[in-house]
Structure formats: structure tokens, C-alpha cells
Amino acid sequence: MSITTFPYELACRAATVLGSKVEASITVRQHGVTVRAGSSTGAAGRCDQAESLADSGPCIAAMEALSVHVVPLIEDEDRWDAWRAQAAREGFTSALAVPAQVDEQVALALNLYSRSPDPWTPELLTAAEGYAQLGAAMVRLHLGLAELDDGAAGYYSQMSDTVTIERAIGAIMQTNDCTEPEARKILESASLHRNVAQHEVAETILRALVINEPRTGT
């Protein structure tokens, strides 16, 4: 199995189109689990990683409220300690989080970082909202194809709960660039806080972020 590449490609495209001084990252939140799905730069990715591990930050707040969150000056922000500290270490001055709903259980956010103060013009905001909606449509399509495809639909149901959970932990580690204990903590926390079985959360993560590689042999 491998992680889908479209969030990374979308983040790179958004950063290129929205301005050379903008760095972008895509996060997906499902059943209370937030994972960094793709980033245009390592710096943007590390900020989203810090947010995911702390389960606190502007993109999570944006996805939960389904409203755009603007941080004109990161140094003036008094919320989201871990994310704010990481953004400052990376040299970012301002940030923008634009959410989009995938379905009732899944949301996506396009997170933009700038090294200039508050560059978020109405035109840039409109374009960012368009990219966020495009990302949500792509995730929605990916989930739909996974459900419709006979091979994919039966793949996870044939796994034991333990295998499904371990594979999801691997996906979280890869997308968030975190350790196994950190990934396991993210999954366990989501299961506990949302009162959803861990294997159900794990299956959702796998369907949204992982594709099955072609099988060889007969």
C-alpha cells in the first residue's frame, strides 16, 4: 500500500499559484484524527505536524467550525502554543486556514503560511477557498472509489482489527512524520474522545489516505 500523492501535488500547485512567498499544506480530519496529507515545503509540513500532534491549531479550529481562520501576526496569537512555537521557529509571520467539508465525518483544510505580515487579500482568499474545495472533492472521489471498487471494499474488511490499526498507525507516521508512539496516541485519543472503535477510525484513515498497490500473481 502507498499514500496517495494528490494532497502533496495540490499543496504544491496552490503555493505556486497563490504566490511565491506562500507555502501550503493540506490536512485531513476524520473521527477526530488530524493528519498532514501533503505539503509544498518541509517548513509548512512541520507546522502542520506540530498541530496534529497537539490536536490544537488554526486548521483544526477551521475544520471543526467550518470557517476560515486568519492569523494576521503569529507572534500576537495567544492560542495553540505548540503550533505557534513551531511556526515561529520556521520563520513564518502569518497564516491562513481554509476548511472544506468532505462528508459528515471528514473535513479538509488548506493551510497557508507566509513570511510577510497579513498578505491575505480578498482575491487570494477566494482562490484559496477554491483550492480547498477542489481538495475536498478529490478526497470525496477517492473515498467513493474505494467503496465502489470490489477489491478495495473487501480489502480492509478481510483484515483483522489489529492489522487495520497497525497499518493506519503506519499511515499516520508517514503523513505526519512522527514516531510510532505519537501515531498510536493520535489514534487512541480520537477513538476515546469520539467514542468510536479504534479499528473504525483506522479504516477511515486508510480509505482516505492509502491506495492499494496492484497485486501480482494469480
C-alpha atoms as a PDB file:
ATOM      1  CA  MET A   1       0.000   0.000   0.000  1.00  0.00           C
ATOM      2  CA  SER A   2       1.136   3.605  -0.559  1.00  0.00           C
ATOM      3  CA  ILE A   3      -0.014   7.065   0.466  1.00  0.00           C
ATOM      4  CA  THR A   4      -1.926   8.939  -2.221  1.00  0.00           C
ATOM      5  CA  THR A   5       0.058  11.771  -3.809  1.00  0.00           C
ATOM      6  CA  PHE A   6      -2.709  14.190  -4.751  1.00  0.00           C
ATOM      7  CA  PRO A   7      -2.642  16.191  -1.453  1.00  0.00           C
ATOM      8  CA  TYR A   8       1.067  16.871  -1.962  1.00  0.00           C
ATOM      9  CA  GLU A   9       0.510  17.845  -5.589  1.00  0.00           C
ATOM     10  CA  LEU A  10      -2.414  20.090  -4.644  1.00  0.00           C
ATOM     11  CA  ALA A  11      -0.373  21.818  -1.921  1.00  0.00           C
ATOM     12  CA  CYS A  12       2.461  22.482  -4.374  1.00  0.00           C
ATOM     13  CA  ARG A  13       0.067  23.795  -7.011  1.00  0.00           C
ATOM     14  CA  ALA A  14      -1.708  26.048  -4.519  1.00  0.00           C
ATOM     15  CA  ALA A  15       1.581  27.503  -3.298  1.00  0.00           C
ATOM     16  CA  THR A  16       2.732  28.150  -6.863  1.00  0.00           C
ATOM     17  CA  VAL A  17      -0.485  29.822  -7.991  1.00  0.00           C
ATOM     18  CA  LEU A  18      -1.189  31.796  -4.811  1.00  0.00           C
ATOM     19  CA  GLY A  19       2.246  33.402  -4.684  1.00  0.00           C
ATOM     20  CA  SER A  20       5.942  32.638  -4.469  1.00  0.00           C
ATOM     21  CA  LYS A  21       6.038  33.751  -0.827  1.00  0.00           C
ATOM     22  CA  VAL A  22       3.218  31.427   0.241  1.00  0.00           C
ATOM     23  CA  GLU A  23       3.866  27.884   1.499  1.00  0.00           C
ATOM     24  CA  ALA A  24       0.996  25.428   1.684  1.00  0.00           C
ATOM     25  CA  SER A  25      -0.030  22.269   3.495  1.00  0.00           C
ATOM     26  CA  ILE A  26      -3.089  20.020   3.335  1.00  0.00           C
ATOM     27  CA  THR A  27      -4.567  18.342   6.409  1.00  0.00           C
ATOM     28  CA  VAL A  28      -7.430  15.888   6.653  1.00  0.00           C
ATOM     29  CA  ARG A  29      -9.501  15.372   9.816  1.00  0.00           C
ATOM     30  CA  GLN A  30     -11.693  12.325  10.350  1.00  0.00           C
ATOM     31  CA  HIS A  31     -13.194  10.884  13.520  1.00  0.00           C
ATOM     32  CA  GLY A  32     -11.139  13.434  15.435  1.00  0.00           C
ATOM     33  CA  VAL A  33      -7.831  12.360  13.864  1.00  0.00           C
ATOM     34  CA  THR A  34      -5.911  15.085  12.052  1.00  0.00           C
ATOM     35  CA  VAL A  35      -3.171  14.020   9.638  1.00  0.00           C
ATOM     36  CA  ARG A  36      -0.924  16.072   7.421  1.00  0.00           C
ATOM     37  CA  ALA A  37      -1.663  14.756   3.946  1.00  0.00           C
ATOM     38  CA  GLY A  38       0.769  16.822   1.861  1.00  0.00           C
ATOM     39  CA  SER A  39       2.897  19.977   1.999  1.00  0.00           C
ATOM     40  CA  SER A  40       4.651  22.186  -0.530  1.00  0.00           C
ATOM     41  CA  THR A  41       7.649  22.647   1.796  1.00  0.00           C
ATOM     42  CA  GLY A  42       9.129  20.936   4.824  1.00  0.00           C
ATOM     43  CA  ALA A  43       8.593  24.063   6.928  1.00  0.00           C
ATOM     44  CA  ALA A  44       4.841  24.128   6.262  1.00  0.00           C
ATOM     45  CA  GLY A  45       4.661  20.396   6.899  1.00  0.00           C
ATOM     46  CA  ARG A  46       6.411  20.671  10.254  1.00  0.00           C
ATOM     47  CA  CYS A  47       3.930  23.318  11.380  1.00  0.00           C
ATOM     48  CA  ASP A  48       1.010  21.054  10.500  1.00  0.00           C
ATOM     49  CA  GLN A  49       2.765  18.124  12.143  1.00  0.00           C
ATOM     50  CA  ALA A  50       3.074  20.090  15.405  1.00  0.00           C
ATOM     51  CA  GLU A  51      -0.597  20.973  15.171  1.00  0.00           C
ATOM     52  CA  SER A  52      -1.660  17.385  14.539  1.00  0.00           C
ATOM     53  CA  LEU A  53       0.355  16.013  17.441  1.00  0.00           C
ATOM     54  CA  ALA A  54      -1.003  18.663  19.819  1.00  0.00           C
ATOM     55  CA  ASP A  55      -4.518  18.355  18.334  1.00  0.00           C
ATOM     56  CA  SER A  56      -4.715  22.135  18.527  1.00  0.00           C
ATOM     57  CA  GLY A  57      -4.211  24.844  15.944  1.00  0.00           C
ATOM     58  CA  PRO A  58      -5.885  27.093  13.388  1.00  0.00           C
ATOM     59  CA  CYS A  59      -6.544  24.427  10.776  1.00  0.00           C
ATOM     60  CA  ILE A  60      -8.180  22.108  13.323  1.00  0.00           C
ATOM     61  CA  ALA A  61     -10.270  25.029  14.597  1.00  0.00           C
ATOM     62  CA  ALA A  62     -11.187  25.896  11.000  1.00  0.00           C
ATOM     63  CA  MET A  63     -12.271  22.330  10.193  1.00  0.00           C
ATOM     64  CA  GLU A  64     -14.282  21.975  13.397  1.00  0.00           C
ATOM     65  CA  ALA A  65     -16.138  25.261  12.834  1.00  0.00           C
ATOM     66  CA  LEU A  66     -16.067  25.058   9.017  1.00  0.00           C
ATOM     67  CA  SER A  67     -14.969  28.686   8.922  1.00  0.00           C
ATOM     68  CA  VAL A  68     -11.821  30.382   7.650  1.00  0.00           C
ATOM     69  CA  HIS A  69      -9.256  31.182  10.351  1.00  0.00           C
ATOM     70  CA  VAL A  70      -6.847  34.051   9.713  1.00  0.00           C
ATOM     71  CA  VAL A  71      -3.766  34.635  11.855  1.00  0.00           C
ATOM     72  CA  PRO A  72      -2.527  38.076  10.731  1.00  0.00           C
ATOM     73  CA  LEU A  73       0.503  38.038  13.048  1.00  0.00           C
ATOM     74  CA  ILE A  74       1.568  34.726  14.546  1.00  0.00           C
ATOM     75  CA  GLU A  75       3.618  36.434  17.257  1.00  0.00           C
ATOM     76  CA  ASP A  76       0.461  38.140  18.563  1.00  0.00           C
ATOM     77  CA  GLU A  77      -1.531  34.881  18.748  1.00  0.00           C
ATOM     78  CA  ASP A  78      -2.128  33.619  22.293  1.00  0.00           C
ATOM     79  CA  ARG A  79      -3.678  30.246  21.379  1.00  0.00           C
ATOM     80  CA  TRP A  80      -2.256  26.988  20.033  1.00  0.00           C
ATOM     81  CA  ASP A  81       1.100  27.017  21.831  1.00  0.00           C
ATOM     82  CA  ALA A  82       2.775  24.105  20.029  1.00  0.00           C
ATOM     83  CA  TRP A  83       1.726  25.249  16.574  1.00  0.00           C
ATOM     84  CA  ARG A  84       2.608  28.886  17.273  1.00  0.00           C
ATOM     85  CA  ALA A  85       6.073  27.958  18.552  1.00  0.00           C
ATOM     86  CA  GLN A  86       6.783  25.764  15.519  1.00  0.00           C
ATOM     87  CA  ALA A  87       5.570  28.421  13.080  1.00  0.00           C
ATOM     88  CA  ALA A  88       7.844  30.965  14.745  1.00  0.00           C
ATOM     89  CA  ARG A  89      10.810  28.573  14.533  1.00  0.00           C
ATOM     90  CA  GLU A  90      10.169  28.159  10.821  1.00  0.00           C
ATOM     91  CA  GLY A  91      10.207  31.928  10.331  1.00  0.00           C
ATOM     92  CA  PHE A  92       6.542  32.356   9.428  1.00  0.00           C
ATOM     93  CA  THR A  93       4.824  35.632  10.229  1.00  0.00           C
ATOM     94  CA  SER A  94       1.228  34.996   9.189  1.00  0.00           C
ATOM     95  CA  ALA A  95      -1.072  32.067   8.454  1.00  0.00           C
ATOM     96  CA  LEU A  96      -4.436  31.224   6.938  1.00  0.00           C
ATOM     97  CA  ALA A  97      -6.543  28.062   7.337  1.00  0.00           C
ATOM     98  CA  VAL A  98      -9.325  27.399   4.817  1.00  0.00           C
ATOM     99  CA  PRO A  99     -11.606  24.396   5.505  1.00  0.00           C
ATOM    100  CA  ALA A 100     -13.814  22.323   3.231  1.00  0.00           C
ATOM    101  CA  GLN A 101     -16.284  19.573   4.117  1.00  0.00           C
ATOM    102  CA  VAL A 102     -15.740  16.186   2.502  1.00  0.00           C
ATOM    103  CA  ASP A 103     -18.638  14.384   4.203  1.00  0.00           C
ATOM    104  CA  GLU A 104     -20.218  14.173   7.648  1.00  0.00           C
ATOM    105  CA  GLN A 105     -17.137  12.508   9.142  1.00  0.00           C
ATOM    106  CA  VAL A 106     -14.297  14.007   7.098  1.00  0.00           C
ATOM    107  CA  ALA A 107     -13.057  17.569   6.616  1.00  0.00           C
ATOM    108  CA  LEU A 108     -10.042  19.036   4.854  1.00  0.00           C
ATOM    109  CA  ALA A 109      -8.092  22.249   5.332  1.00  0.00           C
ATOM    110  CA  LEU A 110      -5.721  24.158   3.101  1.00  0.00           C
ATOM    111  CA  ASN A 111      -3.192  25.833   5.378  1.00  0.00           C
ATOM    112  CA  LEU A 112      -1.161  28.719   4.017  1.00  0.00           C
ATOM    113  CA  TYR A 113       1.941  30.188   5.634  1.00  0.00           C
ATOM    114  CA  SER A 114       3.629  33.477   4.837  1.00  0.00           C
ATOM    115  CA  ARG A 115       6.851  35.134   5.931  1.00  0.00           C
ATOM    116  CA  SER A 116       5.209  38.530   5.357  1.00  0.00           C
ATOM    117  CA  PRO A 117       2.574  40.016   7.689  1.00  0.00           C
ATOM    118  CA  ASP A 118      -1.079  39.511   6.729  1.00  0.00           C
ATOM    119  CA  PRO A 119      -0.836  39.108   2.933  1.00  0.00           C
ATOM    120  CA  TRP A 120      -4.325  37.606   2.694  1.00  0.00           C
ATOM    121  CA  THR A 121      -6.139  39.730   0.124  1.00  0.00           C
ATOM    122  CA  PRO A 122      -9.775  39.028  -0.826  1.00  0.00           C
ATOM    123  CA  GLU A 123      -8.558  37.680  -4.174  1.00  0.00           C
ATOM    124  CA  LEU A 124      -6.110  35.291  -2.535  1.00  0.00           C
ATOM    125  CA  LEU A 125      -8.753  34.156  -0.052  1.00  0.00           C
ATOM    126  CA  THR A 126     -11.198  33.393  -2.869  1.00  0.00           C
ATOM    127  CA  ALA A 127      -8.560  31.382  -4.718  1.00  0.00           C
ATOM    128  CA  ALA A 128      -7.612  29.504  -1.537  1.00  0.00           C
ATOM    129  CA  GLU A 129     -11.245  28.587  -0.917  1.00  0.00           C
ATOM    130  CA  GLY A 130     -11.400  27.202  -4.449  1.00  0.00           C
ATOM    131  CA  TYR A 131      -8.348  25.021  -3.876  1.00  0.00           C
ATOM    132  CA  ALA A 132      -9.742  23.772  -0.571  1.00  0.00           C
ATOM    133  CA  GLN A 133     -12.999  22.771  -2.255  1.00  0.00           C
ATOM    134  CA  LEU A 134     -11.038  21.045  -5.027  1.00  0.00           C
ATOM    135  CA  GLY A 135      -9.105  19.096  -2.419  1.00  0.00           C
ATOM    136  CA  ALA A 136     -12.318  18.068  -0.678  1.00  0.00           C
ATOM    137  CA  ALA A 137     -13.794  16.910  -3.985  1.00  0.00           C
ATOM    138  CA  MET A 138     -10.709  14.798  -4.663  1.00  0.00           C
ATOM    139  CA  VAL A 139     -10.846  13.164  -1.227  1.00  0.00           C
ATOM    140  CA  ARG A 140     -14.582  12.567  -1.684  1.00  0.00           C
ATOM    141  CA  LEU A 141     -13.909  10.895  -5.036  1.00  0.00           C
ATOM    142  CA  HIS A 142     -11.132   8.784  -3.541  1.00  0.00           C
ATOM    143  CA  LEU A 143     -13.413   7.588  -0.741  1.00  0.00           C
ATOM    144  CA  GLY A 144     -16.218   6.858  -3.182  1.00  0.00           C
ATOM    145  CA  LEU A 145     -13.987   4.818  -5.470  1.00  0.00           C
ATOM    146  CA  ALA A 146     -12.674   2.854  -2.504  1.00  0.00           C
ATOM    147  CA  GLU A 147     -16.227   1.970  -1.517  1.00  0.00           C
ATOM    148  CA  LEU A 148     -17.271   1.057  -5.063  1.00  0.00           C
ATOM    149  CA  ASP A 149     -14.227  -0.951  -6.058  1.00  0.00           C
ATOM    150  CA  ASP A 150     -14.790  -4.573  -5.103  1.00  0.00           C
ATOM    151  CA  GLY A 151     -11.156  -5.196  -4.321  1.00  0.00           C
ATOM    152  CA  ALA A 152     -10.776  -2.130  -2.104  1.00  0.00           C
ATOM    153  CA  ALA A 153     -14.180  -2.590  -0.476  1.00  0.00           C
ATOM    154  CA  GLY A 154     -13.305  -6.078   0.659  1.00  0.00           C
ATOM    155  CA  TYR A 155      -9.668  -5.416   1.436  1.00  0.00           C
ATOM    156  CA  TYR A 156      -9.961  -3.808   4.858  1.00  0.00           C
ATOM    157  CA  SER A 157     -12.911  -5.931   5.961  1.00  0.00           C
ATOM    158  CA  GLN A 158     -10.746  -9.018   5.440  1.00  0.00           C
ATOM    159  CA  MET A 159      -8.070  -7.662   7.792  1.00  0.00           C
ATOM    160  CA  SER A 160      -8.154  -8.309  11.493  1.00  0.00           C
ATOM    161  CA  ASP A 161      -8.796  -5.258  13.652  1.00  0.00           C
ATOM    162  CA  THR A 162      -5.197  -5.378  14.842  1.00  0.00           C
ATOM    163  CA  VAL A 163      -3.757  -5.347  11.321  1.00  0.00           C
ATOM    164  CA  THR A 164      -6.045  -2.491  10.283  1.00  0.00           C
ATOM    165  CA  ILE A 165      -4.965  -0.432  13.299  1.00  0.00           C
ATOM    166  CA  GLU A 166      -1.271  -1.128  12.724  1.00  0.00           C
ATOM    167  CA  ARG A 167      -1.490  -0.165   9.055  1.00  0.00           C
ATOM    168  CA  ALA A 168      -3.308   3.054   9.973  1.00  0.00           C
ATOM    169  CA  ILE A 169      -0.609   3.841  12.518  1.00  0.00           C
ATOM    170  CA  GLY A 170       1.938   3.396   9.743  1.00  0.00           C
ATOM    171  CA  ALA A 171      -0.027   5.799   7.533  1.00  0.00           C
ATOM    172  CA  ILE A 172      -0.186   8.386  10.322  1.00  0.00           C
ATOM    173  CA  MET A 173       3.567   8.027  10.910  1.00  0.00           C
ATOM    174  CA  GLN A 174       4.277   8.553   7.221  1.00  0.00           C
ATOM    175  CA  THR A 175       1.974  11.518   6.664  1.00  0.00           C
ATOM    176  CA  ASN A 176       2.743  13.249   9.962  1.00  0.00           C
ATOM    177  CA  ASP A 177       6.428  12.269  10.043  1.00  0.00           C
ATOM    178  CA  CYS A 178       6.011  11.190  13.655  1.00  0.00           C
ATOM    179  CA  THR A 179       7.066   8.267  15.828  1.00  0.00           C
ATOM    180  CA  GLU A 180       5.018   5.123  16.409  1.00  0.00           C
ATOM    181  CA  PRO A 181       4.077   6.111  19.994  1.00  0.00           C
ATOM    182  CA  GLU A 182       2.947   9.539  18.754  1.00  0.00           C
ATOM    183  CA  ALA A 183       0.859   7.989  15.951  1.00  0.00           C
ATOM    184  CA  ARG A 184      -0.657   5.481  18.351  1.00  0.00           C
ATOM    185  CA  LYS A 185      -1.531   8.285  20.769  1.00  0.00           C
ATOM    186  CA  ILE A 186      -3.294  10.204  17.985  1.00  0.00           C
ATOM    187  CA  LEU A 187      -5.396   7.165  17.066  1.00  0.00           C
ATOM    188  CA  GLU A 188      -6.207   6.223  20.666  1.00  0.00           C
ATOM    189  CA  SER A 189      -7.162   9.803  21.539  1.00  0.00           C
ATOM    190  CA  ALA A 190      -9.529  10.041  18.581  1.00  0.00           C
ATOM    191  CA  SER A 191     -11.178   6.751  19.477  1.00  0.00           C
ATOM    192  CA  LEU A 192     -11.625   7.762  23.108  1.00  0.00           C
ATOM    193  CA  HIS A 193     -12.870  11.301  22.556  1.00  0.00           C
ATOM    194  CA  ARG A 194     -15.267  10.401  19.743  1.00  0.00           C
ATOM    195  CA  ASN A 195     -16.408   7.096  21.283  1.00  0.00           C
ATOM    196  CA  VAL A 196     -15.575   5.255  18.066  1.00  0.00           C
ATOM    197  CA  ALA A 197     -13.791   1.909  17.939  1.00  0.00           C
ATOM    198  CA  GLN A 198     -10.115   2.204  17.012  1.00  0.00           C
ATOM    199  CA  HIS A 199     -10.435  -0.153  14.056  1.00  0.00           C
ATOM    200  CA  GLU A 200     -13.249   2.005  12.611  1.00  0.00           C
ATOM    201  CA  VAL A 201     -11.099   5.129  12.886  1.00  0.00           C
ATOM    202  CA  ALA A 202      -8.193   3.202  11.373  1.00  0.00           C
ATOM    203  CA  GLU A 203     -10.227   2.001   8.404  1.00  0.00           C
ATOM    204  CA  THR A 204     -11.406   5.536   7.661  1.00  0.00           C
ATOM    205  CA  ILE A 205      -7.815   6.767   7.673  1.00  0.00           C
ATOM    206  CA  LEU A 206      -6.714   4.004   5.317  1.00  0.00           C
ATOM    207  CA  ARG A 207      -9.558   4.641   2.902  1.00  0.00           C
ATOM    208  CA  ALA A 208      -8.885   8.387   2.783  1.00  0.00           C
ATOM    209  CA  LEU A 209      -5.094   8.348   2.543  1.00  0.00           C
ATOM    210  CA  VAL A 210      -3.949   4.952   1.291  1.00  0.00           C
ATOM    211  CA  ILE A 211      -4.297   3.204  -2.035  1.00  0.00           C
ATOM    212  CA  ASN A 212      -3.776  -0.491  -2.638  1.00  0.00           C
ATOM    213  CA  GLU A 213      -0.853  -1.307  -4.874  1.00  0.00           C
ATOM    214  CA  PRO A 214      -1.583  -3.714  -7.731  1.00  0.00           C
ATOM    215  CA  ARG A 215      -1.340  -7.323  -6.615  1.00  0.00           C
ATOM    216  CA  THR A 216       0.931  -9.664  -8.521  1.00  0.00           C
ATOM    217  CA  GLY A 217       0.322 -13.288  -9.277  1.00  0.00           C
ATOM    218  CA  THR A 218      -2.948 -15.151  -9.625  1.00  0.00           C
END
